[in-house]
Amino acid sequence: MKETKNKIHFIYENINQELQQLIFNFWVKNDAVASVDIALKRLPEVFAILVNENSELIGEASTYLDKIEDETYCFLRIYIEQKHLGNFLPMQELTRSAFKNLKKFHTKAKGIAIVLENEKLAKLGKDTNYFKQGGYTYYGENSEGKQIWFVDFNNPQGIYKNL
């Protein structure tokens, strides 16, 4: 994977008031969450932030536990500032960090899962083998018709191999 000057700070279960305010302001500035209530609920779920070479917040990732059939997975939500979406490296950086670090915190989880809410990513999921090459397995669609993809901690493939 190509190196970037971005840095990931893994902050899971170690998010102080100042960081919460920074993330909240980031979401509001970028219209990244639908409501204040959702933002307040999601803040404790943030596990990593992505900053650029100037130490400016450009992305964040949060997780919650949910099930695929009878297995528990760490479902990821990733938000990256619009101007940094020209390539997929920031997203790969965050998902690789999630895979590597969340399995230490959630030992009962089978892996990580993502729901493709972004239209561009959803198109890649349906129309190409981008996610399969990345190491994901397609599960199906949720009740809202969004694709669900997952990677098992015990059988990493693609960009997750050797982590």
Foldseek 3Di string as FASTA:
>chain_A
DDDAQKDKDFQQVNADPVNLVLVLVVCVVQVPDDDPVVSVVFSNQWGMFIAGNVRRTFKTKGWDWDDDVPAIATEMDIDGRPVPVPDCVVVLVVQLCCQVPVCVVCVRHFWYKYWPPDPVVQCCVVPHCVVVQQFWDWRAADPVRTTMITHGSVDGHHSNPPD
